[in-house]
N, C-alpha and C. Protein backbone atom coordinates (compact mmCIF):
# COMPACT_ATOMS: atom_id res chain seq x y z
N MET A 1 26.48 -3.79 -37.86
CA MET A 1 25.12 -4.33 -37.83
C MET A 1 24.15 -3.42 -38.60
N PHE A 2 23.26 -3.97 -39.23
CA PHE A 2 22.22 -3.47 -40.13
C PHE A 2 20.87 -3.57 -39.59
N ILE A 3 20.20 -2.58 -39.16
CA ILE A 3 19.02 -2.77 -38.57
C ILE A 3 17.94 -1.76 -39.24
N GLY A 4 17.03 -2.32 -39.85
CA GLY A 4 15.92 -1.35 -40.51
C GLY A 4 16.41 -0.35 -41.52
N GLY A 5 17.49 -0.68 -42.21
CA GLY A 5 17.99 0.33 -43.21
C GLY A 5 19.09 1.28 -42.58
N ILE A 6 19.29 1.09 -41.28
CA ILE A 6 20.36 2.05 -40.57
C ILE A 6 21.47 1.14 -40.14
N THR A 7 22.74 1.58 -40.41
CA THR A 7 23.86 0.98 -40.03
C THR A 7 24.27 1.51 -38.58
N MET A 8 24.17 0.49 -37.63
CA MET A 8 24.54 0.92 -36.28
C MET A 8 25.94 0.36 -35.81
N SER A 9 26.74 1.24 -35.09
CA SER A 9 28.08 0.78 -34.65
C SER A 9 27.79 -0.11 -33.49
N LYS A 10 28.83 -1.01 -33.26
CA LYS A 10 28.89 -1.91 -32.25
C LYS A 10 28.70 -1.17 -30.81
N ASP A 11 29.45 -0.02 -30.70
CA ASP A 11 29.42 0.68 -29.51
C ASP A 11 27.92 1.26 -29.25
N LEU A 12 27.35 1.65 -30.17
CA LEU A 12 26.03 2.27 -30.10
C LEU A 12 24.89 1.07 -29.61
N VAL A 13 25.13 -0.09 -30.15
CA VAL A 13 24.28 -1.20 -29.74
C VAL A 13 24.53 -1.47 -28.39
N THR A 14 25.86 -1.50 -27.95
CA THR A 14 26.12 -2.02 -26.65
C THR A 14 25.61 -0.96 -25.57
N ILE A 15 25.89 0.35 -25.95
CA ILE A 15 25.36 1.45 -25.12
C ILE A 15 23.81 1.37 -24.83
N LEU A 16 23.03 1.09 -26.01
CA LEU A 16 21.63 1.10 -25.90
C LEU A 16 21.21 -0.07 -25.11
N MET A 17 21.99 -1.26 -25.27
CA MET A 17 21.64 -2.32 -24.38
C MET A 17 21.91 -2.17 -22.88
N VAL A 18 22.86 -1.42 -22.54
CA VAL A 18 23.29 -1.11 -21.18
C VAL A 18 22.25 -0.15 -20.56
N VAL A 19 21.73 0.83 -21.54
CA VAL A 19 20.77 1.73 -21.03
C VAL A 19 19.29 0.98 -20.74
N ALA A 20 19.02 0.09 -21.68
CA ALA A 20 17.74 -0.53 -21.57
C ALA A 20 17.73 -1.60 -20.33
N VAL A 21 18.88 -2.20 -20.12
CA VAL A 21 19.07 -3.15 -18.98
C VAL A 21 18.97 -2.21 -17.68
N SER A 22 19.65 -1.16 -17.66
CA SER A 22 19.71 -0.42 -16.42
C SER A 22 18.26 0.12 -16.02
N VAL A 23 17.57 0.65 -17.02
CA VAL A 23 16.18 1.17 -16.93
C VAL A 23 15.23 -0.04 -16.46
N ALA A 24 15.42 -1.25 -17.01
CA ALA A 24 14.50 -2.42 -16.64
C ALA A 24 14.89 -2.78 -15.23
N LEU A 25 16.23 -2.67 -14.86
CA LEU A 25 16.48 -3.05 -13.42
C LEU A 25 15.77 -2.05 -12.50
N ALA A 26 16.00 -0.70 -12.89
CA ALA A 26 15.28 0.25 -12.09
C ALA A 26 13.83 0.05 -11.74
N PHE A 27 13.18 -0.40 -12.73
CA PHE A 27 11.67 -0.50 -12.61
C PHE A 27 11.41 -1.98 -12.04
N SER A 28 12.07 -2.97 -12.16
CA SER A 28 11.81 -4.37 -11.68
C SER A 28 12.37 -4.46 -10.25
N ALA A 29 13.68 -4.14 -10.18
CA ALA A 29 14.11 -4.13 -8.74
C ALA A 29 13.65 -3.28 -7.97
N GLY A 30 13.43 -2.11 -8.28
CA GLY A 30 12.92 -0.94 -7.64
C GLY A 30 14.00 -0.40 -6.75
N CYS A 31 14.12 0.95 -6.85
CA CYS A 31 14.90 1.61 -5.84
C CYS A 31 14.17 2.16 -4.82
N GLU A 32 14.76 2.45 -3.70
CA GLU A 32 13.98 2.81 -2.42
C GLU A 32 13.52 4.27 -2.54
N SER A 33 14.27 5.02 -3.35
CA SER A 33 13.80 6.45 -3.42
C SER A 33 13.94 6.94 -4.83
N ASP A 34 13.30 8.09 -5.00
CA ASP A 34 13.56 8.80 -6.45
C ASP A 34 14.84 9.09 -6.80
N ALA A 35 15.56 9.49 -5.70
CA ALA A 35 16.97 9.89 -5.86
C ALA A 35 17.87 8.74 -6.36
N GLN A 36 17.72 7.51 -5.84
CA GLN A 36 18.35 6.30 -6.33
C GLN A 36 17.87 6.05 -7.73
N THR A 37 16.75 6.20 -8.03
CA THR A 37 16.30 5.59 -9.45
C THR A 37 16.81 6.75 -10.43
N GLY A 38 16.86 8.02 -9.99
CA GLY A 38 17.39 8.98 -10.88
C GLY A 38 18.64 8.89 -11.18
N ALA A 39 19.57 8.40 -9.99
CA ALA A 39 20.90 8.24 -10.11
C ALA A 39 21.18 7.14 -10.99
N LEU A 40 20.39 6.05 -10.92
CA LEU A 40 20.65 4.81 -11.86
C LEU A 40 20.36 5.14 -13.21
N ILE A 41 19.29 5.80 -13.44
CA ILE A 41 18.93 6.05 -14.93
C ILE A 41 19.86 7.26 -15.43
N GLY A 42 20.12 8.21 -14.55
CA GLY A 42 21.15 9.27 -15.08
C GLY A 42 22.45 8.74 -15.48
N THR A 43 22.91 7.75 -14.57
CA THR A 43 24.17 7.11 -14.87
C THR A 43 24.24 6.38 -16.28
N ALA A 44 23.20 5.71 -16.37
CA ALA A 44 23.14 4.84 -17.71
C ALA A 44 23.05 5.77 -18.94
N ALA A 45 22.21 6.80 -18.72
CA ALA A 45 21.97 7.79 -19.89
C ALA A 45 23.24 8.54 -20.07
N GLY A 46 23.91 8.97 -18.99
CA GLY A 46 25.10 9.85 -19.08
C GLY A 46 26.38 8.87 -19.72
N ALA A 47 26.17 7.70 -19.40
CA ALA A 47 27.51 6.86 -19.92
C ALA A 47 27.16 6.66 -21.47
N GLY A 48 25.90 6.43 -21.74
CA GLY A 48 25.61 6.28 -23.21
C GLY A 48 25.95 7.63 -24.05
N ILE A 49 25.39 8.73 -23.51
CA ILE A 49 25.86 9.99 -24.18
C ILE A 49 27.42 10.22 -24.24
N GLY A 50 27.96 10.03 -23.05
CA GLY A 50 29.38 10.17 -23.04
C GLY A 50 30.08 9.39 -24.13
N GLN A 51 29.80 8.13 -24.25
CA GLN A 51 30.29 7.20 -25.23
C GLN A 51 30.08 7.71 -26.69
N LEU A 52 28.82 8.11 -26.79
CA LEU A 52 28.51 8.59 -28.16
C LEU A 52 29.28 9.92 -28.62
N ALA A 53 29.37 10.79 -27.49
CA ALA A 53 30.18 12.13 -27.71
C ALA A 53 31.61 11.93 -27.96
N GLY A 54 32.27 11.17 -27.12
CA GLY A 54 33.65 11.08 -27.02
C GLY A 54 34.21 9.79 -27.55
N GLY A 55 33.50 8.74 -27.48
CA GLY A 55 33.93 7.48 -28.29
C GLY A 55 34.98 6.71 -27.40
N ASP A 56 35.27 7.08 -26.17
CA ASP A 56 36.32 6.51 -25.46
C ASP A 56 35.81 6.21 -23.99
N THR A 57 36.72 5.48 -23.18
CA THR A 57 36.32 5.18 -21.88
C THR A 57 36.19 6.38 -20.89
N LYS A 58 37.07 7.24 -21.05
CA LYS A 58 36.98 8.54 -20.30
C LYS A 58 35.74 9.29 -20.42
N SER A 59 35.40 9.44 -21.76
CA SER A 59 34.13 10.13 -22.08
C SER A 59 32.86 9.51 -21.42
N THR A 60 32.84 8.16 -21.59
CA THR A 60 31.97 7.36 -20.95
C THR A 60 31.82 7.53 -19.50
N LEU A 61 33.01 7.52 -18.84
CA LEU A 61 33.01 7.57 -17.24
C LEU A 61 32.54 9.11 -16.88
N ILE A 62 32.97 10.05 -17.54
CA ILE A 62 32.67 11.34 -17.28
C ILE A 62 31.00 11.60 -17.51
N GLY A 63 30.65 10.98 -18.58
CA GLY A 63 29.14 11.19 -18.75
C GLY A 63 28.29 10.50 -17.79
N ALA A 64 28.80 9.31 -17.34
CA ALA A 64 28.14 8.60 -16.35
C ALA A 64 28.09 9.26 -14.96
N ALA A 65 29.23 9.89 -14.64
CA ALA A 65 29.30 10.77 -13.33
C ALA A 65 28.42 11.84 -13.51
N VAL A 66 28.41 12.57 -14.44
CA VAL A 66 27.53 13.80 -14.65
C VAL A 66 26.13 13.40 -14.66
N GLY A 67 25.74 12.34 -15.59
CA GLY A 67 24.37 11.82 -15.53
C GLY A 67 23.84 11.39 -14.18
N GLY A 68 24.74 10.57 -13.42
CA GLY A 68 24.33 10.20 -12.15
C GLY A 68 24.13 11.14 -11.27
N GLY A 69 24.86 12.29 -11.19
CA GLY A 69 24.73 13.40 -10.29
C GLY A 69 23.47 14.12 -10.62
N ALA A 70 23.32 14.46 -11.83
CA ALA A 70 22.05 15.07 -12.34
C ALA A 70 20.85 14.38 -12.01
N GLY A 71 20.91 12.94 -12.22
CA GLY A 71 19.73 12.23 -12.02
C GLY A 71 19.31 12.11 -10.43
N TYR A 72 20.47 12.01 -9.68
CA TYR A 72 20.24 12.06 -8.22
C TYR A 72 19.67 13.33 -7.80
N ALA A 73 20.10 14.56 -8.41
CA ALA A 73 19.67 15.80 -7.81
C ALA A 73 18.10 15.95 -8.24
N LEU A 74 17.86 15.61 -9.39
CA LEU A 74 16.40 15.49 -9.93
C LEU A 74 15.56 14.68 -8.87
N GLY A 75 15.98 13.41 -8.83
CA GLY A 75 15.22 12.54 -8.03
C GLY A 75 15.05 12.91 -6.50
N ASN A 76 16.21 13.59 -5.92
CA ASN A 76 16.15 14.03 -4.56
C ASN A 76 15.13 15.09 -4.35
N GLU A 77 15.04 15.97 -5.37
CA GLU A 77 13.85 17.08 -5.32
C GLU A 77 12.46 16.37 -5.16
N GLY A 78 12.24 15.29 -6.08
CA GLY A 78 11.15 14.63 -6.01
C GLY A 78 10.94 13.98 -4.68
N ASP A 79 11.91 13.41 -4.14
CA ASP A 79 11.85 12.88 -2.61
C ASP A 79 11.40 13.86 -1.68
N LYS A 80 12.03 15.07 -1.72
CA LYS A 80 11.71 16.14 -0.88
C LYS A 80 10.19 16.61 -1.07
N LYS A 81 9.82 16.61 -2.22
CA LYS A 81 8.23 16.96 -2.33
C LYS A 81 7.42 15.98 -1.77
N LYS A 82 7.52 14.83 -1.98
CA LYS A 82 6.90 13.64 -1.50
C LYS A 82 6.92 13.69 0.11
N ALA A 83 8.04 13.82 0.65
CA ALA A 83 8.09 13.98 2.13
C ALA A 83 7.33 15.16 2.68
N ALA A 84 7.34 16.27 2.05
CA ALA A 84 6.61 17.58 2.49
C ALA A 84 5.18 17.08 2.36
N ALA A 85 4.58 16.58 1.28
CA ALA A 85 3.37 16.29 1.17
C ALA A 85 2.83 15.24 2.20
N GLU A 86 3.64 14.41 2.55
CA GLU A 86 3.32 13.35 3.63
C GLU A 86 3.13 13.98 5.01
N ARG A 87 4.11 14.87 5.34
CA ARG A 87 4.17 15.67 6.49
C ARG A 87 2.73 16.51 6.64
N GLU A 88 2.50 17.18 5.40
CA GLU A 88 1.27 18.03 5.48
C GLU A 88 0.07 17.07 5.71
N SER A 89 0.03 16.08 5.07
CA SER A 89 -1.10 15.04 5.33
C SER A 89 -1.27 14.68 6.74
N ILE A 90 -0.02 14.23 7.42
CA ILE A 90 -0.17 13.90 8.79
C ILE A 90 -0.57 15.08 9.75
N ARG A 91 -0.18 16.28 9.37
CA ARG A 91 -0.45 17.35 10.15
C ARG A 91 -1.89 17.57 10.18
N ARG A 92 -2.49 17.65 8.76
CA ARG A 92 -3.99 17.61 8.78
C ARG A 92 -4.76 16.65 9.49
N GLN A 93 -4.33 15.34 9.40
CA GLN A 93 -5.02 14.39 10.20
C GLN A 93 -4.89 14.63 11.69
N MET A 94 -3.83 15.15 12.22
CA MET A 94 -3.66 15.31 13.60
C MET A 94 -4.70 16.50 14.10
N ASN A 95 -4.97 17.38 13.11
CA ASN A 95 -5.82 18.53 13.47
C ASN A 95 -7.32 18.42 12.93
N THR A 96 -7.70 16.93 12.83
CA THR A 96 -8.95 16.74 12.39
C THR A 96 -9.61 16.01 13.37
N VAL A 97 -10.93 16.27 13.86
CA VAL A 97 -11.52 15.40 14.67
C VAL A 97 -12.96 15.08 13.99
N THR A 98 -13.55 13.93 14.30
CA THR A 98 -14.74 13.56 13.67
C THR A 98 -15.91 13.34 14.99
N VAL A 99 -16.78 14.00 15.02
CA VAL A 99 -17.87 13.83 16.07
C VAL A 99 -18.99 13.09 15.36
N ASN A 100 -19.49 11.93 15.83
CA ASN A 100 -20.57 11.15 15.25
C ASN A 100 -21.86 11.67 16.03
N ILE A 101 -22.97 12.05 15.06
CA ILE A 101 -24.27 12.38 15.67
C ILE A 101 -25.12 11.26 15.44
N THR A 102 -25.86 10.85 16.44
CA THR A 102 -26.84 9.85 16.25
C THR A 102 -28.15 10.46 15.82
N ASN A 103 -28.71 10.05 14.73
CA ASN A 103 -29.90 10.76 14.18
C ASN A 103 -31.02 9.94 14.87
N SER A 104 -32.23 10.58 14.58
CA SER A 104 -33.51 10.04 15.31
C SER A 104 -33.97 8.75 14.73
N ASN A 105 -33.58 8.31 13.50
CA ASN A 105 -33.81 7.05 13.03
C ASN A 105 -32.65 5.95 13.16
N GLY A 106 -31.70 6.36 14.08
CA GLY A 106 -30.63 5.38 14.55
C GLY A 106 -29.40 5.59 13.57
N SER A 107 -29.53 6.19 12.41
CA SER A 107 -28.27 6.36 11.71
C SER A 107 -27.24 7.42 12.15
N ILE A 108 -25.99 7.26 11.71
CA ILE A 108 -25.11 8.22 12.17
C ILE A 108 -24.72 9.10 11.13
N THR A 109 -24.39 10.46 11.52
CA THR A 109 -24.03 11.43 10.72
C THR A 109 -22.50 11.91 11.26
N PRO A 110 -21.53 11.74 10.44
CA PRO A 110 -20.14 12.13 11.06
C PRO A 110 -20.02 13.59 10.61
N VAL A 111 -19.58 14.35 11.67
CA VAL A 111 -19.18 15.89 11.32
C VAL A 111 -17.72 16.03 11.76
N THR A 112 -17.03 16.37 10.64
CA THR A 112 -15.56 16.50 10.76
C THR A 112 -15.24 17.91 11.02
N LEU A 113 -14.52 18.12 12.07
CA LEU A 113 -14.03 19.41 12.72
C LEU A 113 -12.48 19.63 12.36
N ARG A 114 -12.07 20.91 12.07
CA ARG A 114 -10.73 21.14 12.04
C ARG A 114 -10.18 21.90 13.25
N LYS A 115 -9.16 21.56 13.89
CA LYS A 115 -8.62 22.26 15.07
C LYS A 115 -7.62 23.19 14.41
N GLN A 116 -7.89 24.50 14.79
CA GLN A 116 -6.78 25.47 14.52
C GLN A 116 -6.53 26.40 15.77
N GLY A 117 -5.33 25.99 16.28
CA GLY A 117 -4.96 26.70 17.49
C GLY A 117 -5.92 25.93 18.58
N VAL A 118 -6.60 26.80 19.42
CA VAL A 118 -7.45 26.30 20.54
C VAL A 118 -8.88 26.32 19.94
N VAL A 119 -9.14 26.57 18.81
CA VAL A 119 -10.61 26.62 18.18
C VAL A 119 -10.73 25.45 17.35
N TYR A 120 -12.10 24.96 17.41
CA TYR A 120 -12.48 23.97 16.43
C TYR A 120 -13.45 24.67 15.46
N ILE A 121 -13.33 24.26 14.10
CA ILE A 121 -14.03 24.90 13.05
C ILE A 121 -14.83 23.81 12.36
N GLY A 122 -16.04 24.13 12.30
CA GLY A 122 -17.16 23.15 11.65
C GLY A 122 -17.03 23.23 10.09
N PRO A 123 -17.67 22.26 9.53
CA PRO A 123 -17.65 22.18 8.11
C PRO A 123 -18.41 23.48 7.50
N ARG A 124 -19.19 24.09 8.08
CA ARG A 124 -19.77 25.40 7.48
C ARG A 124 -19.10 26.69 7.99
N GLY A 125 -17.91 26.45 8.58
CA GLY A 125 -17.27 27.72 9.09
C GLY A 125 -17.40 28.16 10.46
N GLU A 126 -18.36 27.63 11.19
CA GLU A 126 -18.82 27.96 12.52
C GLU A 126 -17.56 27.65 13.39
N THR A 127 -17.27 28.39 14.48
CA THR A 127 -16.24 28.11 15.46
C THR A 127 -16.76 27.75 16.88
N TYR A 128 -15.98 26.92 17.47
CA TYR A 128 -16.25 26.40 18.95
C TYR A 128 -14.98 26.67 19.67
N THR A 129 -15.29 27.06 20.89
CA THR A 129 -14.02 27.29 21.70
C THR A 129 -13.57 26.07 22.36
N SER A 130 -14.31 24.97 22.28
CA SER A 130 -13.74 23.56 22.81
C SER A 130 -14.70 22.63 21.90
N LEU A 131 -14.19 21.36 22.05
CA LEU A 131 -14.71 20.34 21.07
C LEU A 131 -16.26 20.30 21.40
N PRO A 132 -17.07 20.50 20.39
CA PRO A 132 -18.56 20.48 20.52
C PRO A 132 -19.11 19.18 20.92
N THR A 133 -20.07 19.24 21.53
CA THR A 133 -20.80 17.90 21.83
C THR A 133 -21.68 17.61 20.81
N GLU A 134 -22.26 16.40 20.76
CA GLU A 134 -23.30 15.96 19.80
C GLU A 134 -24.54 16.97 19.81
N GLN A 135 -24.85 17.21 21.01
CA GLN A 135 -26.01 18.05 21.19
C GLN A 135 -25.67 19.50 20.57
N GLN A 136 -24.45 20.03 20.80
CA GLN A 136 -24.08 21.45 20.29
C GLN A 136 -24.30 21.27 18.63
N LEU A 137 -23.76 20.19 18.15
CA LEU A 137 -23.60 20.12 16.65
C LEU A 137 -25.16 19.92 16.10
N LYS A 138 -26.00 19.25 16.80
CA LYS A 138 -27.31 19.07 16.48
C LYS A 138 -28.09 20.53 16.38
N GLN A 139 -27.75 21.40 17.49
CA GLN A 139 -28.37 22.72 17.33
C GLN A 139 -27.91 23.54 16.38
N ALA A 140 -26.70 23.20 15.82
CA ALA A 140 -25.99 23.97 14.77
C ALA A 140 -26.68 23.43 13.35
N GLY A 141 -27.33 22.53 13.38
CA GLY A 141 -28.23 22.07 12.19
C GLY A 141 -27.41 20.80 11.52
N TYR A 142 -26.64 20.10 12.17
CA TYR A 142 -26.09 18.81 11.80
C TYR A 142 -26.93 17.69 12.16
N GLY A 143 -26.94 16.57 11.47
CA GLY A 143 -27.99 15.37 11.68
C GLY A 143 -29.35 15.88 11.47
N PHE A 144 -30.15 14.76 11.90
CA PHE A 144 -31.64 15.09 11.80
C PHE A 144 -32.35 14.18 12.92
């Protein structure tokens, strides 16, 4: 096959088509995790590289296996990082309390407090031994 001044072998065209279809499927069908997406793309790329390097079925299969394993490992690390970030976000939400202060004009000022152990910490760094009331927060300078 002759494309743009470059002669391409039939095997190379086939490999490129397999890789392109695999990548398209990964993005259109959607894998449930980064590990699955990595394994799919790694397998396709590994098969292509194996075929180019060895030119036979054995090389293609070895390349697919190595690529799939490497893609899974990389994707799995991404999944772990996402899960850790999600856990941290949930932990922060569980340790956050918002007290609404009703201002003199009827508007509301939310004051977000962070719970650390048995102490509540206000936005300005002040500490409270228990959840502060609206009146305590007004005395600390919140609201108007």
